[in-house]
């Protein structure tokens, strides 16, 4: 995998260096070690303060080589995340066995290399691991553990906290939500004492002030307009990424944010309906993947490493409910492959008027929307099933609070 990643950078020279962000991670970690200061002045810093310790172990390993700090830090970072990758695979094998017909194993083993060196050259594998664990724990009724790892993921990068609704699988399971909130508050208070309010205001302001990124689905029509030179649409580099600019773009970005928030609320309400009886492993898996796809499809920001988030959550879902998610393995792998083609291979096409990269990105977005439609249909079918079960239970005189597992409830077709 390391050879694959390094070869990818070598071949893709002048087409995009997937290891570029590691230069920032290394500088932030080294500055913190030497000056005990968190790098909030850096325009690329977009993480909660608690994310910095995750960037520091490779800096400690590469400290004896200050003259070539970037190369040792990069190698140490890749070694660290490959070890994390191996731990996840070992955990899945212990849970599922070593049969490669298991969809979760197929997706994890193939998905990361197909996505490319980006899988091991970004910070995102750390919060993605927390999200994967949160879904597995929630589906296994270990709500407290799910709350803890979801809280840890939110302290590393904000998005895992959006999976919080899945922690409640039954009416009485409030413990996980309480633990997650308490854990996040404890970490927040600790980092507040160490860093002051700047660390929180900057990361929230950074995310809210971002514009419509060119890889977001909402921006796709505008990127086509830019290529066709109509409507006065242009691009700019801001907040460490390329954004679309032009008349009406800020309004479209605000609309995308409203749709994003509304969609999350709707999925949360759907899961609330599932847990009125018992969401179970299947319900947790469906809600988690739906939530993840909503985040990717409706967000005004989209980066290629976000596909790693989806891979992690679908792997957890497939571990909980293999038969339901087996048909999703190939589409998710196709999504990873198309994303890799766009970045780094043909990212310049998207920016500077060539067609192949834009066509590939459009195909990727079509696959992403198709996945969302398929999963929303699954969620809607599950909600209707719960409604039918509630009707049956009411007719039978059963008390919902006495039901502790989906096996005790007749599942109607």
Protein backbone atom coordinates (compact mmCIF):
# COMPACT_ATOMS: atom_id res chain seq x y z
CA UNK A 1 0.00 0.00 0.00
CA UNK A 2 2.86 2.36 0.80
CA UNK A 3 4.49 1.55 -2.55
CA UNK A 4 1.13 2.10 -4.26
CA UNK A 5 0.72 5.49 -2.64
CA UNK A 6 4.26 6.67 -3.40
CA UNK A 7 3.98 5.43 -7.00
CA UNK A 8 0.73 7.34 -7.37
CA UNK A 9 2.40 10.58 -6.34
CA UNK A 10 5.35 9.96 -8.64
CA UNK A 11 3.18 9.27 -11.68
CA UNK A 12 0.80 12.12 -10.89
CA UNK A 13 3.55 14.74 -10.72
CA UNK A 14 2.14 18.09 -11.87
CA UNK A 15 -1.36 16.63 -11.62
CA UNK A 16 -1.83 16.92 -7.86
CA UNK A 17 0.16 15.77 -4.86
CA UNK A 18 -2.05 13.79 -2.51
CA UNK A 19 0.58 14.15 0.22
CA UNK A 20 0.49 17.94 0.19
CA UNK A 21 -1.57 18.26 3.40
CA UNK A 22 1.05 16.29 5.33
CA UNK A 23 3.34 19.30 5.01
CA UNK A 24 0.79 21.28 7.03
CA UNK A 25 0.26 18.51 9.57
CA UNK A 26 4.01 18.26 10.09
CA UNK A 27 4.44 22.01 10.46
CA UNK A 28 1.55 22.32 12.91
CA UNK A 29 2.82 19.41 15.00
CA UNK A 30 6.43 20.62 14.97
CA UNK A 31 5.44 24.18 15.91
CA UNK A 32 3.32 22.88 18.75
CA UNK A 33 6.17 20.72 20.04
CA UNK A 34 8.64 23.60 19.90
CA UNK A 35 6.45 26.56 20.91
CA UNK A 36 3.53 24.89 22.70
CA UNK A 37 1.15 26.83 20.46
CA UNK A 38 -1.79 25.70 18.34
CA UNK A 39 -1.59 27.06 14.77
CA UNK A 40 -4.82 29.05 14.57
CA UNK A 41 -3.18 31.71 12.44
CA UNK A 42 -2.81 29.23 9.59
CA UNK A 43 -5.60 29.72 7.07
CA UNK A 44 -5.77 25.98 6.38
CA UNK A 45 -6.41 24.98 10.01
CA UNK A 46 -9.96 23.56 10.03
CA UNK A 47 -9.97 21.07 12.89
CA UNK A 48 -11.11 21.19 16.52
CA UNK A 49 -8.21 21.78 18.94
CA UNK A 50 -8.28 18.14 20.10
CA UNK A 51 -7.28 17.01 16.60
CA UNK A 52 -3.71 18.23 17.03
CA UNK A 53 -2.52 15.34 19.25
CA UNK A 54 -3.43 12.97 16.41
CA UNK A 55 -0.92 14.76 14.19
CA UNK A 56 1.92 14.72 16.71
CA UNK A 57 3.13 11.06 16.88
CA UNK A 58 4.75 11.20 13.40
CA UNK A 59 6.43 14.48 14.40
CA UNK A 60 7.96 12.76 17.43
CA UNK A 61 9.20 9.91 15.23
CA UNK A 62 10.66 12.27 12.62
CA UNK A 63 12.20 14.71 15.14
CA UNK A 64 15.74 13.24 14.79
CA UNK A 65 15.71 14.21 11.09
CA UNK A 66 15.05 17.98 11.06
CA UNK A 67 16.95 18.54 7.81
CA UNK A 68 14.51 16.37 5.86
CA UNK A 69 11.53 16.85 8.11
CA UNK A 70 8.86 16.60 5.41
CA UNK A 71 9.98 13.21 4.10
CA UNK A 72 10.39 11.53 7.55
CA UNK A 73 7.09 12.99 8.74
CA UNK A 74 5.33 11.74 5.60
CA UNK A 75 6.74 8.23 5.98
CA UNK A 76 5.94 8.18 9.70
CA UNK A 77 2.40 9.41 9.03
CA UNK A 78 1.74 6.78 6.36
CA UNK A 79 3.15 4.08 8.65
CA UNK A 80 0.83 5.25 11.44
CA UNK A 81 -2.33 5.21 9.33
CA UNK A 82 -1.38 1.89 7.72
CA UNK A 83 -1.15 0.46 11.23
CA UNK A 84 -4.60 1.87 11.97
CA UNK A 85 -5.83 0.38 8.68
CA UNK A 86 -4.46 -3.02 9.74
CA UNK A 87 -6.09 -2.78 13.18
CA UNK A 88 -9.48 -2.12 11.55
CA UNK A 89 -9.03 -5.06 9.18
CA UNK A 90 -7.99 -7.32 12.07
CA UNK A 91 -11.06 -6.24 14.03
CA UNK A 92 -13.35 -7.00 11.08
CA UNK A 93 -11.73 -10.41 10.54
CA UNK A 94 -12.16 -11.31 14.22
CA UNK A 95 -15.80 -10.26 14.04
CA UNK A 96 -16.72 -11.74 10.66
CA UNK A 97 -14.13 -14.43 9.95
CA UNK A 98 -11.66 -14.45 7.08
CA UNK A 99 -14.12 -15.29 4.28
CA UNK A 100 -13.49 -12.69 1.59
CA UNK A 101 -17.07 -13.07 0.43
CA UNK A 102 -18.04 -10.90 3.40
CA UNK A 103 -19.03 -7.51 1.90
CA UNK A 104 -17.48 -5.56 4.77
CA UNK A 105 -14.08 -7.17 4.18
CA UNK A 106 -14.32 -6.73 0.42
CA UNK A 107 -15.11 -3.04 0.74
CA UNK A 108 -12.41 -2.27 3.30
CA UNK A 109 -9.66 -4.26 1.55
CA UNK A 110 -10.42 -2.87 -1.91
CA UNK A 111 -11.94 0.52 -1.16
CA UNK A 112 -8.90 2.27 0.28
CA UNK A 113 -6.43 1.30 -2.48
CA UNK A 114 -9.00 2.13 -5.17
CA UNK A 115 -9.54 5.57 -3.62
CA UNK A 116 -5.75 5.89 -3.84
CA UNK A 117 -2.93 7.29 -1.76
CA UNK A 118 -5.40 9.87 -0.47
CA UNK A 119 -6.71 7.21 1.93
CA UNK A 120 -3.45 7.29 3.90
CA UNK A 121 -2.37 10.87 3.21
CA UNK A 122 -5.16 12.70 5.02
CA UNK A 123 -6.32 13.05 8.61
CA UNK A 124 -9.72 11.63 7.70
CA UNK A 125 -8.95 7.98 8.44
CA UNK A 126 -8.90 8.83 12.17
CA UNK A 127 -12.44 10.27 12.49
CA UNK A 128 -13.68 7.71 9.93
CA UNK A 129 -12.45 4.97 12.25
CA UNK A 130 -14.38 6.56 15.12
CA UNK A 131 -17.52 6.66 12.96
CA UNK A 132 -17.09 3.02 11.96
CA UNK A 133 -16.76 2.00 15.60
CA UNK A 134 -19.75 4.13 16.62
CA UNK A 135 -22.00 2.39 14.09
CA UNK A 136 -20.77 -1.07 15.09
CA UNK A 137 -21.26 -0.36 18.80
CA UNK A 138 -24.74 1.12 18.25
CA UNK A 139 -25.82 -1.89 16.21
CA UNK A 140 -24.49 -4.20 18.93
CA UNK A 141 -26.48 -2.35 21.64
CA UNK A 142 -23.32 -1.00 23.27
CA UNK A 143 -24.74 2.50 23.43
CA UNK A 144 -22.22 3.87 25.92
CA UNK A 145 -19.27 2.77 23.80
CA UNK A 146 -20.99 4.21 20.71
CA UNK A 147 -21.43 7.52 22.47
CA UNK A 148 -17.80 7.63 23.56
CA UNK A 149 -16.30 6.94 20.14
CA UNK A 150 -18.77 9.29 18.41
CA UNK A 151 -17.74 11.99 20.87
CA UNK A 152 -14.07 11.24 20.21
CA UNK A 153 -14.68 11.47 16.46
CA UNK A 154 -16.39 14.84 16.88
CA UNK A 155 -13.38 16.11 18.81
CA UNK A 156 -11.12 15.09 15.91
CA UNK A 157 -13.31 16.40 13.11
CA UNK A 158 -16.84 17.65 13.61
CA UNK A 159 -18.86 15.44 11.25
CA UNK A 160 -19.03 12.16 13.30
CA UNK A 161 -21.33 13.89 15.80
CA UNK A 162 -23.96 14.03 13.03
CA UNK A 163 -24.29 10.25 13.45
CA UNK A 164 -25.46 10.74 17.05
CA UNK A 165 -29.13 9.75 16.37
CA UNK A 166 -28.13 6.13 15.66
CA UNK A 167 -26.97 5.67 19.25
CA UNK A 168 -30.55 5.42 20.39
CA UNK A 169 -31.92 2.07 19.24
CA UNK A 170 -34.80 1.86 21.73
CA UNK A 171 -37.01 4.26 23.64
CA UNK A 172 -35.12 3.76 26.87
CA UNK A 173 -31.57 4.05 25.47
CA UNK A 174 -30.75 7.60 26.52
CA UNK A 175 -27.46 6.64 28.12
CA UNK A 176 -25.40 6.82 24.95
CA UNK A 177 -26.57 10.31 24.05
CA UNK A 178 -25.80 11.50 27.57
CA UNK A 179 -22.34 9.92 27.51
CA UNK A 180 -21.53 11.41 24.10
CA UNK A 181 -22.62 14.88 25.19
CA UNK A 182 -20.71 14.60 28.46
CA UNK A 183 -17.57 13.38 26.72
CA UNK A 184 -17.63 16.15 24.11
CA UNK A 185 -18.26 18.76 26.81
CA UNK A 186 -15.36 17.43 28.89
CA UNK A 187 -12.95 17.50 25.95
CA UNK A 188 -14.23 20.95 24.93
CA UNK A 189 -13.73 22.37 28.43
CA UNK A 190 -10.24 20.86 28.65
CA UNK A 191 -9.13 22.28 25.31
CA UNK A 192 -10.82 25.59 26.16
CA UNK A 193 -8.68 25.84 29.26
CA UNK A 194 -5.56 25.08 27.21
CA UNK A 195 -6.26 27.15 24.09
CA UNK A 196 -8.95 29.70 24.97
CA UNK A 197 -11.97 30.50 22.85
CA UNK A 198 -10.03 31.04 19.62
CA UNK A 199 -9.80 27.34 18.85
CA UNK A 200 -13.57 26.97 18.84
CA UNK A 201 -14.60 30.22 17.19
CA UNK A 202 -12.05 29.76 14.40
CA UNK A 203 -13.02 26.22 13.42
CA UNK A 204 -16.76 27.03 13.45
CA UNK A 205 -16.20 30.26 11.55
CA UNK A 206 -13.96 28.46 9.07
CA UNK A 207 -16.70 25.96 8.23
CA UNK A 208 -19.59 28.45 8.09
CA UNK A 209 -17.70 31.00 5.95
CA UNK A 210 -16.71 28.54 3.25
CA UNK A 211 -18.29 29.00 -0.16
CA UNK A 212 -19.65 26.55 -2.70
CA UNK A 213 -16.81 24.16 -3.45
CA UNK A 214 -16.44 23.01 -7.05
CA UNK A 215 -16.78 19.31 -6.21
CA UNK A 216 -20.06 19.71 -4.31
CA UNK A 217 -23.15 18.46 -6.11
CA UNK A 218 -24.85 21.85 -5.83
CA UNK A 219 -21.94 23.38 -7.74
CA UNK A 220 -21.99 20.89 -10.63
CA UNK A 221 -24.35 22.92 -12.90
CA UNK A 222 -22.27 26.03 -12.23
CA UNK A 223 -19.03 24.22 -13.10
CA UNK A 224 -20.60 23.21 -16.40
CA UNK A 225 -21.63 26.84 -16.96
CA UNK A 226 -18.02 27.85 -16.25
CA UNK A 227 -16.79 25.37 -18.85
CA UNK A 228 -19.34 26.59 -21.39
CA UNK A 229 -18.45 30.21 -20.55
CA UNK A 230 -22.00 31.29 -19.77
CA UNK A 231 -23.41 33.18 -16.81
CA UNK A 232 -20.14 34.80 -15.72
CA UNK A 233 -19.24 31.89 -13.44
CA UNK A 234 -15.64 31.73 -12.26
CA UNK A 235 -13.55 29.90 -9.67
CA UNK A 236 -11.26 31.04 -6.85
CA UNK A 237 -8.98 29.43 -4.28
CA UNK A 238 -10.20 30.06 -0.73
CA UNK A 239 -10.13 28.18 2.58
CA UNK A 240 -7.66 25.72 1.12
CA UNK A 241 -9.96 24.64 -1.74
CA UNK A 242 -11.41 25.80 -5.06
CA UNK A 243 -14.82 27.47 -4.93
CA UNK A 244 -17.33 28.69 -7.49
CA UNK A 245 -17.97 32.43 -7.70
CA UNK A 246 -20.47 34.54 -9.59
CA UNK A 247 -23.91 36.11 -9.38
CA UNK A 248 -26.31 34.10 -7.24
CA UNK A 249 -23.66 31.69 -5.96
CA UNK A 250 -23.80 32.88 -2.30
CA UNK A 251 -27.58 32.40 -2.31
CA UNK A 252 -27.19 28.90 -3.74
CA UNK A 253 -24.65 28.10 -1.01
CA UNK A 254 -27.15 29.22 1.65
CA UNK A 255 -29.89 27.11 0.05
CA UNK A 256 -27.54 24.11 0.06
CA UNK A 257 -26.92 24.66 3.78
CA UNK A 258 -30.66 24.78 4.50
CA UNK A 259 -31.24 21.59 2.50
CA UNK A 260 -28.32 19.97 4.32
CA UNK A 261 -29.75 20.77 7.77
CA UNK A 262 -33.32 19.88 6.80
CA UNK A 263 -32.22 16.53 5.37
CA UNK A 264 -30.33 15.66 8.55
CA UNK A 265 -33.42 16.45 10.62
CA UNK A 266 -35.60 14.26 8.39
CA UNK A 267 -33.23 11.31 8.67
CA UNK A 268 -33.07 11.82 12.44
CA UNK A 269 -36.88 11.79 12.64
CA UNK A 270 -36.99 8.62 10.55
CA UNK A 271 -34.60 6.92 12.98
CA UNK A 272 -36.69 8.16 15.90
CA UNK A 273 -39.61 6.35 14.33
CA UNK A 274 -37.53 3.19 13.96
CA UNK A 275 -36.48 3.18 17.59
CA UNK A 276 -40.08 3.57 18.81
CA UNK A 277 -40.14 -0.22 18.68
CA UNK A 278 -36.52 -1.24 18.16
CA UNK A 279 -34.24 -0.01 15.40
CA UNK A 280 -31.99 -3.06 15.72
CA UNK A 281 -28.88 -3.77 13.68
CA UNK A 282 -30.64 -3.28 10.36
CA UNK A 283 -32.18 0.06 11.36
CA UNK A 284 -28.90 1.41 12.73
CA UNK A 285 -27.07 0.43 9.54
CA UNK A 286 -29.66 1.99 7.23
CA UNK A 287 -29.86 5.23 9.20
CA UNK A 288 -26.07 5.59 9.41
CA UNK A 289 -25.50 5.13 5.67
CA UNK A 290 -28.42 7.42 4.82
CA UNK A 291 -27.04 10.10 7.12
CA UNK A 292 -23.60 9.77 5.55
CA UNK A 293 -24.91 10.03 1.99
CA UNK A 294 -27.03 13.05 2.92
CA UNK A 295 -23.90 14.73 4.28
CA UNK A 296 -22.03 14.09 1.03
CA UNK A 297 -24.83 14.95 -1.40
CA UNK A 298 -26.26 18.09 0.21
CA UNK A 299 -23.17 19.70 1.74
CA UNK A 300 -21.77 22.82 0.07
CA UNK A 301 -18.27 21.40 0.60
CA UNK A 302 -17.00 18.16 -0.92
CA UNK A 303 -13.44 16.86 -0.94
CA UNK A 304 -12.30 13.53 -2.40
CA UNK A 305 -11.29 12.14 0.98
CA UNK A 306 -14.93 12.40 2.10
CA UNK A 307 -15.56 9.19 0.16
CA UNK A 308 -13.43 7.51 2.85
CA UNK A 309 -16.12 8.51 5.39
CA UNK A 310 -18.73 6.71 3.31
CA UNK A 311 -16.54 3.62 2.91
CA UNK A 312 -16.07 3.39 6.69
CA UNK A 313 -19.79 3.74 7.46
CA UNK A 314 -20.87 1.27 4.76
CA UNK A 315 -18.26 -1.21 6.04
CA UNK A 316 -19.82 -0.97 9.51
CA UNK A 317 -23.30 -1.35 8.03
CA UNK A 318 -22.21 -4.41 6.03
CA UNK A 319 -20.70 -5.94 9.16
CA UNK A 320 -24.04 -5.51 10.94
CA UNK A 321 -26.29 -6.62 8.06
CA UNK A 322 -24.29 -8.32 5.26
CA UNK A 323 -27.20 -9.39 3.06
CA UNK A 324 -28.67 -5.88 2.76
CA UNK A 325 -25.39 -4.16 1.92
CA UNK A 326 -23.77 -6.75 -0.36
CA UNK A 327 -25.27 -5.10 -3.50
CA UNK A 328 -23.77 -1.75 -2.44
CA UNK A 329 -20.13 -2.89 -2.50
CA UNK A 330 -19.58 -2.50 -6.25
CA UNK A 331 -21.27 0.93 -6.54
CA UNK A 332 -19.23 2.27 -3.60
CA UNK A 333 -16.03 0.90 -5.16
CA UNK A 334 -17.02 2.52 -8.46
CA UNK A 335 -17.56 5.79 -6.60
CA UNK A 336 -14.06 5.48 -5.08
CA UNK A 337 -12.53 4.74 -8.48
CA UNK A 338 -14.21 7.72 -10.18
CA UNK A 339 -13.13 9.95 -7.29
CA UNK A 340 -9.52 8.80 -7.69
CA UNK A 341 -9.65 9.57 -11.41
CA UNK A 342 -10.88 13.09 -10.67
CA UNK A 343 -8.26 13.66 -7.98
CA UNK A 344 -5.41 13.76 -8.56
CA UNK A 345 -5.38 12.58 -12.18
CA UNK A 346 -7.75 15.03 -13.89
CA UNK A 347 -8.50 17.69 -11.28
CA UNK A 348 -7.01 20.29 -13.60
CA UNK A 349 -9.71 19.47 -16.16
CA UNK A 350 -12.39 20.51 -13.69
CA UNK A 351 -10.66 23.83 -13.11
CA UNK A 352 -9.32 24.82 -16.48
CA UNK A 353 -11.78 23.84 -19.16
CA UNK A 354 -10.87 20.31 -20.29
CA UNK A 355 -13.71 17.83 -20.59
CA UNK A 356 -12.61 14.38 -19.45
CA UNK A 357 -12.24 15.23 -15.75
CA UNK A 358 -15.56 17.07 -15.69
CA UNK A 359 -17.35 14.14 -17.34
CA UNK A 360 -15.84 11.73 -14.80
CA UNK A 361 -16.85 14.01 -11.91
CA UNK A 362 -20.39 14.18 -13.31
CA UNK A 363 -20.51 10.38 -13.50
CA UNK A 364 -19.30 10.19 -9.91
CA UNK A 365 -22.05 12.56 -8.78
CA UNK A 366 -24.64 10.45 -10.60
CA UNK A 367 -23.43 7.35 -8.72
CA UNK A 368 -23.57 9.29 -5.44
CA UNK A 369 -27.16 10.42 -6.04
CA UNK A 370 -28.16 6.91 -7.13
CA UNK A 371 -26.76 5.51 -3.87
CA UNK A 372 -28.71 8.09 -1.87
CA UNK A 373 -31.96 7.24 -3.66
CA UNK A 374 -31.44 3.52 -3.04
CA UNK A 375 -30.70 4.03 0.65
CA UNK A 376 -33.60 6.45 1.18
CA UNK A 377 -35.90 3.80 -0.27
CA UNK A 378 -34.48 1.29 2.20
CA UNK A 379 -35.04 3.71 5.08
CA UNK A 380 -38.60 4.45 3.96
CA UNK A 381 -39.38 0.72 3.68
CA UNK A 382 -38.01 0.18 7.19
CA UNK A 383 -40.09 3.04 8.58
CA UNK A 384 -43.22 1.59 7.00
CA UNK A 385 -42.34 -1.81 8.45
CA UNK A 386 -42.10 -0.27 11.93
CA UNK A 387 -45.46 1.41 11.45
CA UNK A 388 -47.02 -1.94 10.51
CA UNK A 389 -45.42 -3.58 13.53
CA UNK A 390 -46.84 -0.89 15.79
CA UNK A 391 -50.30 -1.52 14.37
CA UNK A 392 -49.92 -5.26 14.89
CA UNK A 393 -48.66 -4.80 18.44
CA UNK A 394 -51.54 -2.48 19.29
CA UNK A 395 -54.01 -5.01 17.92
CA UNK A 396 -52.34 -7.75 19.96
CA UNK A 397 -52.32 -5.71 23.16
CA UNK A 398 -48.51 -5.68 23.42
CA UNK A 399 -46.66 -2.86 25.20
CA UNK A 400 -43.91 -1.30 23.09
CA UNK A 401 -41.71 -0.79 26.18
CA UNK A 402 -41.78 -4.54 26.84
CA UNK A 403 -40.19 -5.31 23.47
CA UNK A 404 -36.41 -5.56 23.72
CA UNK A 405 -35.42 -6.98 20.35
CA UNK A 406 -36.58 -7.18 16.78
CA UNK A 407 -36.76 -10.99 17.02
CA UNK A 408 -39.71 -10.60 19.40
CA UNK A 409 -41.72 -8.60 16.89
CA UNK A 410 -43.33 -10.00 13.75
CA UNK A 411 -41.83 -8.29 10.71
CA UNK A 412 -44.59 -7.82 8.16
CA UNK A 413 -43.80 -7.84 4.44
